[in-house]
Protein backbone atom coordinates (compact mmCIF):
# COMPACT_ATOMS: atom_id res chain seq x y z
CA MET A 1 19.64 12.08 47.17
CA ARG A 2 22.93 12.50 45.35
CA LYS A 3 23.95 9.48 43.26
CA ILE A 4 27.25 8.50 41.72
CA TYR A 5 27.22 6.05 38.83
CA THR A 6 30.74 4.69 38.82
CA ASN A 7 33.11 2.32 37.00
CA GLY A 8 31.46 2.57 33.60
CA LYS A 9 32.58 3.31 30.09
CA ILE A 10 30.39 6.36 29.61
CA TYR A 11 30.14 7.89 26.14
CA THR A 12 28.91 11.42 26.79
CA PHE A 13 28.66 12.62 23.16
CA ASP A 14 29.96 15.90 24.57
CA ASP A 15 33.22 16.89 22.87
CA ALA A 16 34.48 18.54 26.06
CA LYS A 17 34.62 15.17 27.84
CA PRO A 18 33.74 12.44 25.35
CA LEU A 19 34.52 9.45 27.59
CA VAL A 20 34.32 9.24 31.38
CA GLU A 21 34.12 6.56 34.05
CA ALA A 22 31.62 8.11 36.43
CA VAL A 23 28.87 10.70 36.66
CA VAL A 24 27.36 12.49 39.63
CA VAL A 25 23.62 13.14 39.67
CA GLU A 26 21.64 15.45 41.93
CA ASN A 27 18.06 16.67 41.62
CA GLY A 28 17.67 14.74 38.38
CA ARG A 29 20.62 16.36 36.59
CA PHE A 30 24.28 15.71 35.97
CA ILE A 31 26.46 17.86 38.20
CA ASP A 32 29.88 16.36 37.45
CA MET A 33 31.69 13.61 35.57
CA GLY A 34 35.18 12.20 35.30
CA THR A 35 37.15 9.30 36.69
CA SER A 36 35.59 7.09 39.35
CA GLU A 37 38.34 8.03 41.78
CA GLU A 38 37.78 11.76 41.29
CA MET A 39 34.03 11.61 41.54
CA LEU A 40 34.05 9.49 44.70
CA ALA A 41 36.70 11.70 46.30
CA ASN A 42 34.94 14.95 45.42
CA TRP A 43 31.32 13.97 45.89
CA GLY A 44 31.17 10.75 47.90
CA LYS A 45 29.46 11.31 51.26
CA PRO A 46 27.84 8.91 53.71
CA THR A 47 24.42 9.93 52.37
CA CYS A 48 25.45 9.52 48.73
CA GLU A 49 24.26 6.44 46.86
CA VAL A 50 26.91 4.75 44.70
CA ILE A 51 25.72 2.61 41.78
CA GLN A 52 28.27 0.24 40.25
CA LEU A 53 28.19 0.02 36.43
CA HIS A 54 30.63 -2.93 36.33
CA GLY A 55 32.53 -1.58 33.34
CA LYS A 56 29.44 -1.50 31.11
CA ALA A 57 29.02 0.90 28.19
CA VAL A 58 26.69 3.86 28.78
CA THR A 59 25.29 6.50 26.43
CA PRO A 60 22.87 9.36 26.87
CA GLY A 61 19.29 8.11 27.11
CA LEU A 62 17.86 6.91 23.81
CA ILE A 63 15.27 9.14 22.13
CA ASP A 64 12.71 8.05 19.52
CA SER A 65 11.71 11.07 17.44
CA HIS A 66 8.58 9.51 15.97
CA LEU A 67 6.41 6.64 17.11
CA HIS A 68 2.84 5.85 18.17
CA LEU A 69 2.69 4.61 21.76
CA SER A 70 -1.10 4.51 21.48
CA VAL A 71 -0.95 1.94 18.68
CA ILE A 72 1.62 -0.11 20.56
CA ALA A 73 -0.85 0.05 23.45
CA THR A 74 -3.73 -1.22 21.32
CA ASN A 75 -1.50 -4.03 20.06
CA PHE A 76 -1.52 -5.24 23.67
CA LEU A 77 -5.34 -5.09 23.57
CA ASN A 78 -6.07 -6.37 20.02
CA VAL A 79 -4.73 -9.02 17.63
CA ASP A 80 -1.08 -8.41 16.81
CA LEU A 81 -0.30 -9.57 13.26
CA THR A 82 3.25 -8.22 13.17
CA GLY A 83 5.76 -10.53 11.53
CA ILE A 84 3.25 -12.98 10.09
CA THR A 85 4.85 -14.50 7.00
CA SER A 86 1.93 -16.11 5.19
CA LYS A 87 -1.62 -15.35 4.20
CA GLN A 88 -2.75 -18.65 5.70
CA HIS A 89 -1.13 -17.85 9.03
CA LEU A 90 -2.99 -14.52 9.07
CA LEU A 91 -6.29 -16.24 8.29
CA ASP A 92 -5.66 -18.84 10.97
CA ALA A 93 -4.81 -16.16 13.53
CA ILE A 94 -7.99 -14.17 12.98
CA LYS A 95 -10.12 -17.32 12.82
CA THR A 96 -8.76 -18.44 16.19
CA LYS A 97 -9.53 -15.04 17.71
CA ALA A 98 -12.98 -14.91 16.08
CA ASN A 99 -13.91 -18.22 17.70
CA THR A 100 -13.62 -16.48 21.09
CA LEU A 101 -15.96 -13.64 20.12
CA GLN A 102 -19.73 -13.30 20.18
CA GLN A 103 -21.89 -12.63 17.12
CA GLY A 104 -21.37 -9.01 16.02
CA GLU A 105 -18.40 -8.35 18.34
CA TRP A 106 -15.64 -6.46 16.52
CA LEU A 107 -12.35 -8.20 15.71
CA VAL A 108 -9.60 -5.58 15.38
CA GLY A 109 -5.97 -6.28 14.55
CA ARG A 110 -2.86 -4.65 13.21
CA GLY A 111 0.52 -5.39 11.70
CA TRP A 112 0.01 -7.46 8.52
CA ASP A 113 2.47 -6.96 5.67
CA GLU A 114 1.77 -8.75 2.40
CA ASN A 115 5.42 -8.29 1.36
CA LEU A 116 6.30 -10.94 3.95
CA PHE A 117 3.80 -13.51 2.65
CA THR A 118 5.33 -16.59 1.08
CA ASP A 119 2.06 -18.08 -0.18
CA GLY A 120 0.53 -15.40 -2.34
CA PRO A 121 -1.03 -11.95 -2.07
CA MET A 122 -3.18 -10.53 0.71
CA PRO A 123 -6.49 -12.28 1.46
CA THR A 124 -9.57 -11.58 -0.60
CA ILE A 125 -12.79 -10.47 1.05
CA GLU A 126 -14.19 -13.94 0.39
CA GLU A 127 -11.32 -15.52 2.33
CA LEU A 128 -11.79 -13.03 5.16
CA ASP A 129 -15.53 -13.79 5.25
CA GLU A 130 -14.83 -17.51 5.45
CA ALA A 131 -12.39 -17.06 8.34
CA VAL A 132 -14.56 -14.54 10.21
CA PRO A 133 -18.20 -14.88 9.12
CA HIS A 134 -19.97 -13.64 12.25
CA CYS A 135 -17.89 -10.63 13.37
CA PRO A 136 -17.08 -7.33 11.69
CA LEU A 137 -13.34 -7.33 10.96
CA PHE A 138 -10.86 -4.46 10.69
CA LEU A 139 -7.15 -5.18 10.17
CA SER A 140 -4.67 -2.34 9.78
CA ARG A 141 -1.54 -2.89 7.71
CA ILE A 142 1.82 -2.44 9.46
CA CYS A 143 2.18 1.04 7.90
CA GLY A 144 -1.26 2.22 9.01
CA HIS A 145 -2.13 3.32 5.47
CA ALA A 146 -4.02 0.25 4.21
CA PHE A 147 -6.72 -1.88 5.84
CA LEU A 148 -8.52 -5.17 5.35
CA VAL A 149 -12.22 -5.56 6.16
CA ASN A 150 -14.74 -8.35 5.71
CA GLY A 151 -18.29 -8.23 4.42
CA LYS A 152 -19.68 -7.93 7.95
CA ALA A 153 -17.71 -4.73 8.54
CA LEU A 154 -19.01 -3.25 5.27
CA GLU A 155 -22.52 -4.29 6.25
CA VAL A 156 -22.27 -2.62 9.67
CA SER A 157 -20.94 0.55 8.06
CA GLU A 158 -23.80 0.52 5.53
CA TYR A 159 -21.34 0.74 2.68
CA ALA A 160 -22.79 1.28 -0.80
CA PRO A 161 -21.14 2.20 -4.11
CA SER A 162 -22.68 5.65 -3.79
CA VAL A 163 -21.06 6.37 -0.41
CA VAL A 164 -18.86 9.46 -0.22
CA VAL A 165 -15.31 8.33 0.60
CA PRO A 166 -13.32 10.78 2.78
CA GLU A 167 -10.81 12.89 0.84
CA GLY A 168 -7.56 11.05 0.18
CA GLY A 169 -9.09 7.59 0.65
CA THR A 170 -9.95 4.72 -1.69
CA VAL A 171 -12.24 1.72 -1.43
CA VAL A 172 -10.54 -0.76 -3.76
CA VAL A 173 -13.05 -2.58 -5.95
CA ASP A 174 -12.81 -5.49 -8.35
CA GLU A 175 -12.32 -4.25 -11.91
CA VAL A 176 -14.88 -6.72 -13.27
CA THR A 177 -17.60 -6.86 -10.63
CA ASN A 178 -17.06 -3.39 -9.14
CA LYS A 179 -17.50 -4.96 -5.71
CA PRO A 180 -15.19 -4.19 -2.77
CA THR A 181 -12.14 -6.43 -2.50
CA GLY A 182 -11.90 -5.86 1.24
CA LEU A 183 -8.96 -3.46 0.87
CA LEU A 184 -9.29 0.16 1.97
CA LEU A 185 -6.60 2.80 1.51
CA GLU A 186 -5.82 5.81 3.65
CA SER A 187 -8.79 7.82 4.96
CA ALA A 188 -11.34 5.37 3.52
CA SER A 189 -10.78 3.56 6.82
CA GLU A 190 -12.91 6.24 8.49
CA LEU A 191 -15.98 4.64 6.89
CA ILE A 192 -15.34 1.70 9.21
CA THR A 193 -13.52 3.03 12.26
CA LYS A 194 -16.38 5.29 13.34
CA HIS A 195 -18.44 2.14 13.93
CA ILE A 196 -15.84 0.33 16.07
CA PRO A 197 -16.67 0.67 19.78
CA GLU A 198 -14.09 2.66 21.68
CA LYS A 199 -11.97 1.03 24.34
CA SER A 200 -12.79 2.06 27.88
CA TYR A 201 -10.60 4.60 29.63
CA ASP A 202 -9.21 1.93 31.94
CA GLU A 203 -8.45 -0.39 29.00
CA LEU A 204 -6.58 2.37 27.19
CA LYS A 205 -4.69 3.30 30.33
CA ASP A 206 -3.66 -0.28 30.95
CA GLY A 207 -2.47 -0.72 27.37
CA LEU A 208 -0.59 2.58 27.43
CA ARG A 209 1.08 1.66 30.72
CA LYS A 210 2.32 -1.56 29.11
CA ALA A 211 3.54 0.35 26.04
CA ILE A 212 5.49 2.81 28.21
CA GLN A 213 7.08 0.01 30.20
CA PHE A 214 7.96 -1.77 26.95
CA ALA A 215 9.71 1.40 25.70
CA LEU A 216 11.70 1.62 28.94
CA GLU A 217 12.92 -1.94 28.44
CA LYS A 218 14.44 -0.83 25.12
CA GLY A 219 16.52 1.94 26.68
CA LEU A 220 14.22 4.76 25.63
CA THR A 221 14.16 7.73 27.96
CA SER A 222 12.25 10.13 25.69
CA VAL A 223 9.78 9.63 22.84
CA HIS A 224 7.86 11.88 20.48
CA THR A 225 4.50 10.17 20.09
CA ASN A 226 1.41 10.85 17.98
CA ASP A 227 -1.76 9.56 19.68
CA PRO A 228 -4.96 11.67 19.95
CA ARG A 229 -6.74 9.81 17.13
CA TYR A 230 -6.33 6.53 19.02
CA LEU A 231 -6.71 7.64 22.63
CA GLY A 232 -10.03 9.44 22.54
CA GLY A 233 -9.00 12.92 21.49
CA LEU A 234 -6.75 15.73 22.69
CA HIS A 235 -7.91 16.09 26.28
CA GLN A 236 -8.19 12.40 27.06
CA THR A 237 -4.77 11.74 25.53
CA TYR A 238 -3.15 14.38 27.73
CA LYS A 239 -5.05 13.12 30.80
CA LEU A 240 -3.88 9.54 30.25
CA TYR A 241 -0.26 10.56 29.93
CA ASP A 242 -0.48 12.99 32.84
CA GLU A 243 -1.76 10.26 35.14
CA LEU A 244 0.82 7.70 34.01
CA LEU A 245 3.86 9.98 33.82
CA ASN A 246 3.31 12.76 36.34
CA GLU A 247 1.19 10.89 38.89
CA GLU A 248 2.42 7.30 38.60
CA GLN A 249 5.89 8.53 37.59
CA LEU A 250 6.60 5.69 35.17
CA GLY A 251 9.58 7.73 34.04
CA LEU A 252 9.44 7.99 30.26
CA ARG A 253 9.54 11.56 28.91
CA CYS A 254 6.86 12.07 26.25
CA ASN A 255 6.36 14.84 23.71
CA LEU A 256 2.85 14.66 22.23
CA LEU A 257 2.34 15.42 18.54
CA ILE A 258 -1.20 16.68 18.04
CA ASP A 259 -3.13 15.86 14.86
CA HIS A 260 -4.23 18.93 12.94
CA ALA A 261 -7.89 17.92 13.39
CA PHE A 262 -7.54 19.13 16.99
CA LEU A 263 -6.26 22.62 16.13
CA ASP A 264 -9.53 24.26 17.11
CA GLU A 265 -9.43 22.54 20.51
CA LEU A 266 -5.85 23.67 20.99
CA LYS A 267 -6.92 27.22 20.30
CA GLU A 268 -9.94 27.05 22.60
CA THR A 269 -7.99 25.65 25.54
CA GLY A 270 -4.87 27.74 25.09
CA ILE A 271 -2.63 24.67 24.96
CA TYR A 272 0.49 25.27 22.88
CA THR A 273 3.78 23.70 21.83
CA GLY A 274 5.95 23.44 24.93
CA TYR A 275 2.99 23.31 27.33
CA GLY A 276 3.77 20.93 30.19
CA ASN A 277 7.00 20.01 31.94
CA GLU A 278 10.21 18.07 31.34
CA THR A 279 8.29 14.79 31.59
CA LEU A 280 5.22 15.57 29.47
CA GLN A 281 4.92 18.26 26.81
CA ILE A 282 2.73 19.25 23.90
CA GLY A 283 4.66 19.11 20.63
CA ALA A 284 4.09 19.97 16.98
CA VAL A 285 0.95 19.77 14.83
CA LYS A 286 0.90 16.46 12.93
CA ILE A 287 -0.18 16.43 9.27
CA PHE A 288 -0.18 13.76 6.57
CA ALA A 289 0.89 14.98 3.12
CA ASP A 290 0.90 11.58 1.37
CA GLY A 291 0.68 7.84 1.92
CA ALA A 292 3.17 4.96 1.93
CA MET A 293 5.44 3.16 -0.50
CA GLY A 294 3.90 -0.26 0.15
CA ARG A 295 0.58 0.53 -1.55
CA ARG A 296 2.10 3.14 -3.92
CA THR A 297 0.28 5.98 -2.18
CA ALA A 298 3.47 7.93 -1.39
CA LEU A 299 3.40 10.95 -3.71
CA LEU A 300 6.20 10.99 -6.29
CA SER A 301 7.16 13.61 -8.87
CA GLU A 302 7.63 10.88 -11.50
CA PRO A 303 5.56 7.68 -11.92
CA TYR A 304 6.34 4.53 -10.00
CA ALA A 305 8.84 2.44 -11.95
CA ASP A 306 6.75 -0.69 -11.48
CA ALA A 307 3.41 1.03 -12.18
CA PRO A 308 3.68 3.56 -15.02
CA GLY A 309 0.99 6.19 -14.73
CA GLU A 310 0.75 5.96 -10.93
CA TYR A 311 2.22 8.83 -8.92
CA GLY A 312 0.71 8.18 -5.49
CA ASP A 313 -1.76 10.31 -3.58
CA ALA A 314 -1.73 13.74 -2.01
CA MET A 315 -3.79 13.74 1.18
CA TYR A 316 -4.85 17.33 0.47
CA ASP A 317 -4.66 19.70 -2.45
CA GLN A 318 -2.30 22.64 -2.02
CA ALA A 319 -5.03 25.06 -0.99
CA ALA A 320 -6.27 22.76 1.78
CA LEU A 321 -2.73 22.00 2.96
CA HIS A 322 -1.94 25.71 3.02
CA GLU A 323 -4.98 26.35 5.20
CA ILE A 324 -3.97 23.64 7.67
CA ILE A 325 -0.44 24.98 7.99
CA LYS A 326 -1.76 28.54 8.31
CA LYS A 327 -3.99 27.47 11.23
CA ALA A 328 -0.97 26.00 12.96
CA ARG A 329 1.08 29.13 12.31
CA ASP A 330 -1.76 31.32 13.61
CA LEU A 331 -1.16 29.53 16.94
CA SER A 332 2.63 29.95 16.51
CA MET A 333 2.98 26.17 16.42
CA PRO A 334 5.44 24.11 14.38
CA ILE A 335 4.30 21.34 12.08
CA ALA A 336 5.37 17.72 11.78
CA VAL A 337 4.43 16.48 8.33
CA HIS A 338 4.45 12.90 7.02
CA THR A 339 6.25 13.25 3.67
CA ILE A 340 7.49 10.01 2.14
CA GLY A 341 7.51 10.88 -1.57
CA ASP A 342 9.60 13.65 -3.09
CA GLN A 343 6.54 15.45 -4.49
CA ALA A 344 4.89 15.44 -1.08
CA LEU A 345 8.03 16.97 0.40
CA GLU A 346 8.18 19.61 -2.31
CA ASN A 347 4.51 20.46 -1.81
CA VAL A 348 5.03 21.03 1.92
CA LEU A 349 8.23 23.03 1.47
CA ASP A 350 6.50 25.25 -1.10
CA ILE A 351 3.95 26.18 1.56
CA LEU A 352 6.39 26.40 4.47
CA ASP A 353 8.46 28.88 2.47
CA GLN A 354 5.47 31.24 2.62
CA PHE A 355 5.51 31.39 6.42
CA PRO A 356 8.17 32.60 8.83
CA ALA A 357 9.66 30.05 11.18
CA VAL A 358 8.32 29.87 14.74
CA ALA A 359 10.14 29.26 18.02
CA TYR A 360 10.11 25.48 17.58
CA ARG A 361 11.47 23.67 14.54
CA ASP A 362 9.27 22.17 11.84
CA ARG A 363 9.90 18.53 11.09
CA LEU A 364 9.56 16.63 7.83
CA ILE A 365 8.86 13.04 8.77
CA HIS A 366 10.31 10.11 6.76
CA VAL A 367 11.71 12.03 3.71
CA GLN A 368 12.37 8.69 2.04
CA VAL A 369 12.60 9.87 -1.57
CA LEU A 370 14.72 12.95 -2.21
CA ARG A 371 16.13 15.10 -4.98
CA GLU A 372 19.27 17.23 -4.70
CA GLU A 373 17.34 20.50 -4.75
CA LEU A 374 15.06 19.28 -1.94
CA ILE A 375 18.06 18.44 0.23
CA GLU A 376 19.24 22.02 -0.18
CA ARG A 377 15.81 23.32 0.86
CA LEU A 378 15.94 21.25 4.04
CA ARG A 379 19.22 22.86 5.08
CA THR A 380 17.97 25.42 7.56
CA PRO A 381 18.13 25.52 11.38
CA SER A 382 14.34 25.70 11.55
CA ARG A 383 13.76 22.34 9.81
CA ILE A 384 14.34 18.77 10.96
CA ALA A 385 14.55 15.64 8.84
CA ASP A 386 12.79 13.09 11.06
CA ILE A 387 14.08 9.79 9.66
CA GLN A 388 13.39 6.10 10.37
CA PRO A 389 16.46 3.99 9.49
CA ARG A 390 14.75 0.69 10.23
CA PHE A 391 12.51 1.25 7.18
CA ILE A 392 15.42 -0.14 5.14
CA VAL A 393 14.56 -3.56 6.58
CA GLY A 394 10.82 -3.40 5.95
CA ASP A 395 11.01 -1.77 2.50
CA TYR A 396 13.96 -3.32 0.68
CA PRO A 397 14.41 -4.94 -1.79
CA TRP A 398 10.88 -4.37 -3.14
CA VAL A 399 11.15 -0.60 -2.92
CA GLU A 400 13.92 -0.74 -5.55
CA GLU A 401 11.29 -1.95 -8.01
CA ARG A 402 8.97 0.90 -7.00
CA LEU A 403 11.57 3.61 -7.57
CA GLY A 404 14.02 2.33 -10.17
CA ALA A 405 17.81 2.64 -10.10
CA GLU A 406 18.12 6.40 -10.56
CA ARG A 407 15.79 7.41 -7.72
CA ASN A 408 17.26 4.79 -5.41
CA GLU A 409 20.48 6.80 -5.36
CA LEU A 410 18.73 9.36 -3.12
CA ALA A 411 16.27 7.09 -1.37
CA TYR A 412 16.60 6.61 2.40
CA ALA A 413 19.64 8.88 2.00
CA TRP A 414 20.66 9.48 5.60
CA LYS A 415 24.38 10.04 5.00
CA SER A 416 23.61 12.56 2.27
CA LEU A 417 21.37 14.45 4.69
CA LEU A 418 24.00 14.50 7.44
CA ASP A 419 26.75 15.49 5.01
CA ALA A 420 24.57 18.41 3.92
CA ASP A 421 24.47 19.60 7.56
CA ILE A 422 20.76 18.92 7.85
CA ILE A 423 19.49 18.31 11.37
CA CYS A 424 18.33 14.70 11.47
CA ALA A 425 16.60 12.88 14.31
CA GLY A 426 16.06 9.13 14.45
CA GLY A 427 12.80 7.33 15.10
CA SER A 428 11.11 3.98 14.56
CA ASP A 429 7.54 4.89 13.61
CA ALA A 430 6.69 1.96 15.89
CA PRO A 431 4.76 -0.20 15.59
CA VAL A 432 5.37 0.16 11.84
CA GLU A 433 8.90 -0.97 12.70
CA PRO A 434 10.02 -2.38 16.06
CA VAL A 435 10.33 0.13 18.90
CA ASP A 436 13.84 -1.11 19.76
CA PRO A 437 16.22 1.75 18.83
CA LEU A 438 19.17 -0.65 18.59
CA LEU A 439 17.45 -2.20 15.57
CA GLY A 440 17.20 1.24 13.98
CA ILE A 441 20.84 1.91 14.74
CA HIS A 442 21.83 -1.45 13.23
CA ALA A 443 19.86 -0.61 10.08
CA ALA A 444 21.53 2.80 9.80
CA VAL A 445 24.98 1.22 10.05
CA THR A 446 24.45 -1.86 7.85
CA ARG A 447 21.58 -0.85 5.55
CA LYS A 448 20.30 -4.42 5.47
CA ALA A 449 18.08 -6.78 7.41
CA PRO A 450 19.48 -9.01 10.15
CA GLY A 451 20.85 -12.19 8.62
CA GLN A 452 21.37 -10.79 5.13
CA THR A 453 24.91 -11.39 3.84
CA HIS A 454 25.24 -8.68 1.18
CA ASP A 455 27.06 -5.39 1.78
CA GLY A 456 23.93 -3.31 2.28
CA TYR A 457 21.56 -1.37 0.05
CA ASN A 458 23.22 1.75 -1.41
CA GLU A 459 26.33 1.45 0.73
CA LYS A 460 27.38 5.08 0.36
CA GLU A 461 24.48 6.04 2.64
CA LYS A 462 25.72 3.94 5.58
CA LEU A 463 26.36 5.71 8.89
CA THR A 464 29.07 5.03 11.42
CA MET A 465 28.05 3.56 14.77
CA GLU A 466 28.57 6.92 16.45
CA GLU A 467 26.55 8.80 13.82
CA ALA A 468 23.72 6.30 14.19
CA PHE A 469 23.71 6.53 17.99
CA LYS A 470 23.66 10.32 17.82
CA LEU A 471 20.49 10.17 15.70
CA PHE A 472 18.80 8.52 18.68
CA THR A 473 20.44 10.63 21.41
CA THR A 474 21.97 14.02 20.70
CA MET A 475 19.89 14.83 17.63
CA GLY A 476 16.68 13.50 19.13
CA ALA A 477 16.59 16.51 21.41
CA TYR A 478 16.53 19.05 18.56
CA PRO A 479 12.94 18.66 17.29
CA THR A 480 11.65 19.77 20.71
CA ASN A 481 14.26 22.51 21.29
CA GLU A 482 15.65 20.49 24.19
CA GLU A 483 19.24 20.21 23.00
CA THR A 484 20.34 22.39 25.93
CA ILE A 485 18.83 20.02 28.52
CA LYS A 486 19.14 16.50 27.07
CA GLY A 487 20.83 14.41 24.40
CA THR A 488 24.37 14.47 25.85
CA ILE A 489 25.88 13.67 29.23
CA THR A 490 26.82 17.19 30.23
CA ARG A 491 26.80 19.18 33.47
CA GLY A 492 23.35 20.66 34.04
CA LYS A 493 21.52 18.37 31.64
CA LEU A 494 18.85 15.85 32.59
CA ALA A 495 20.44 12.67 33.93
CA ASP A 496 19.05 10.26 31.33
CA MET A 497 21.20 7.26 30.36
CA ALA A 498 21.09 3.81 28.79
CA VAL A 499 23.39 1.01 29.97
CA TYR A 500 24.28 -1.83 27.58
CA SER A 501 25.14 -5.51 28.04
CA GLN A 502 28.10 -5.10 25.66
CA ASN A 503 29.92 -2.12 24.21
CA PRO A 504 28.38 -1.10 20.85
CA PHE A 505 31.47 0.93 19.93
CA GLU A 506 33.89 -1.96 20.34
CA LEU A 507 32.04 -4.54 18.25
CA GLU A 508 34.06 -6.18 15.48
CA ASN A 509 30.88 -6.91 13.52
CA PRO A 510 27.94 -4.48 13.64
CA ASP A 511 25.60 -7.48 13.49
CA ASP A 512 26.68 -8.18 17.08
CA LEU A 513 24.60 -5.15 18.01
CA LEU A 514 21.59 -7.44 17.53
CA GLU A 515 22.77 -9.43 20.55
CA THR A 516 23.16 -6.33 22.71
CA GLU A 517 20.60 -5.81 25.47
CA ILE A 518 19.66 -2.92 27.70
CA ASP A 519 20.88 -3.52 31.24
CA MET A 520 19.46 -0.32 32.72
CA THR A 521 17.36 2.66 31.68
CA ILE A 522 18.03 5.68 33.88
CA ILE A 523 15.80 8.76 33.80
CA GLY A 524 16.50 11.82 35.92
CA GLY A 525 19.12 9.78 37.72
CA GLU A 526 16.59 7.12 38.75
CA VAL A 527 16.73 3.54 37.49
CA LYS A 528 13.40 3.07 35.76
CA TYR A 529 14.23 -0.27 34.17
CA GLU A 530 16.78 -2.89 35.14
CA LYS A 531 17.11 -6.13 33.25
CA SER A 532 14.37 -8.51 34.46
CA THR A 533 12.87 -5.79 36.68
CA VAL A 534 11.04 -2.53 36.04
CA VAL A 535 11.62 -0.15 38.93
CA GLN A 536 8.94 2.44 39.57
CA SER A 537 9.12 5.45 41.87
């Protein structure tokens, strides 16, 4: 059925018609736009449905270029430690959960961040053992690059000092006793995770359904999500999404990044980048080149300012990284590489320069620490800077101590990237940061946390409200070569829109964006979320 969304303040982000009052939708696409009077006169028929926008602001549907719906899903199934501000609160939370579990039953949680603790550092293994003595414990940090375990978990995994730790990982031990502290870094987590019982298919599906509906509530119409490691592998991940999106028609459009460990399966099954439809597609090959700033595992070209002699960690040496990228290129697939430190970015670019570009763009994810010459090397139509503005809230001010004044000039340098004509797309890396794109947009505009009264960290890198919104709309379509079918409100494009409770472009104070809510999420012309109600086809 034809629909006319009328009486709105619709920001199209299309220079041909930047602001309109009404749009006409048919067969899931925009067919016309203009004044309400024109659209009703030209297209209004007895069988046409007219939806009143009541003067509300509308933009193209919001796009998150990098998140992990699977981990958001497991947060619905496990203990969510996000936002906990003290070590004692964390210990109390896991103790309460442990008291509901049987002897030997795994307690799994995620989201702790020791930088938020007001009562000291992260718990010791002794404190974890006291809180949870009878259950193996595995708690992932908010960044997903560090993990806390108790003695029971080490016992179940049969850990011994002689154990071979997976490449790129570290079991942190006490300098005096040489015993584990309970902290694992990066791939050392694999020593534990292989012993954690997998969730059932139905449990995963239920959690993923909740995660998708949660994303719709935040105005998201498309996401690029990295999940096979958490959803039972390549085939099960695709099956889960296929059932939820194509069969149940929840609405959200999902592009699936596939971890490089599944390259052989991709080759065997003939699945490739772009496989699928406008609702569900296979995306790029996901690779980790380094770690995170929080635990100083992001790979820098110069030592950390607050830890002389420490440079961070490369997940792979150059020969191994070259082989991974070559395998992706042999399948004509693009890569999406986690590169936080400047040396990690340089290492990846050195290898990418040895291969011709493929049909889809490569993306460098995070690019948090830059140098001028690296910015220049990113300036090519075949490369995307996949940035997460909300990291400014989670990482500052402590990251200034990590990097020092000089490197901070080109840290989280979004304006510099845009001014250099580099294609940038905006994401959240949720649940590392909240999935709400308005929070990412606020961070891009203010460069500070909500409630902070200073002028923002490194003010020259602030974006305008329009620039920030375009990161999460127009530019979000570029990593998947979908800029011709989404990202703006244009004739022929997919009819995806977000409707707001107040106009973000008329706010006197950008902090008022924090009070803005999503009134409707519209995908293919269908209302998939309306405030207080999720509408399903």
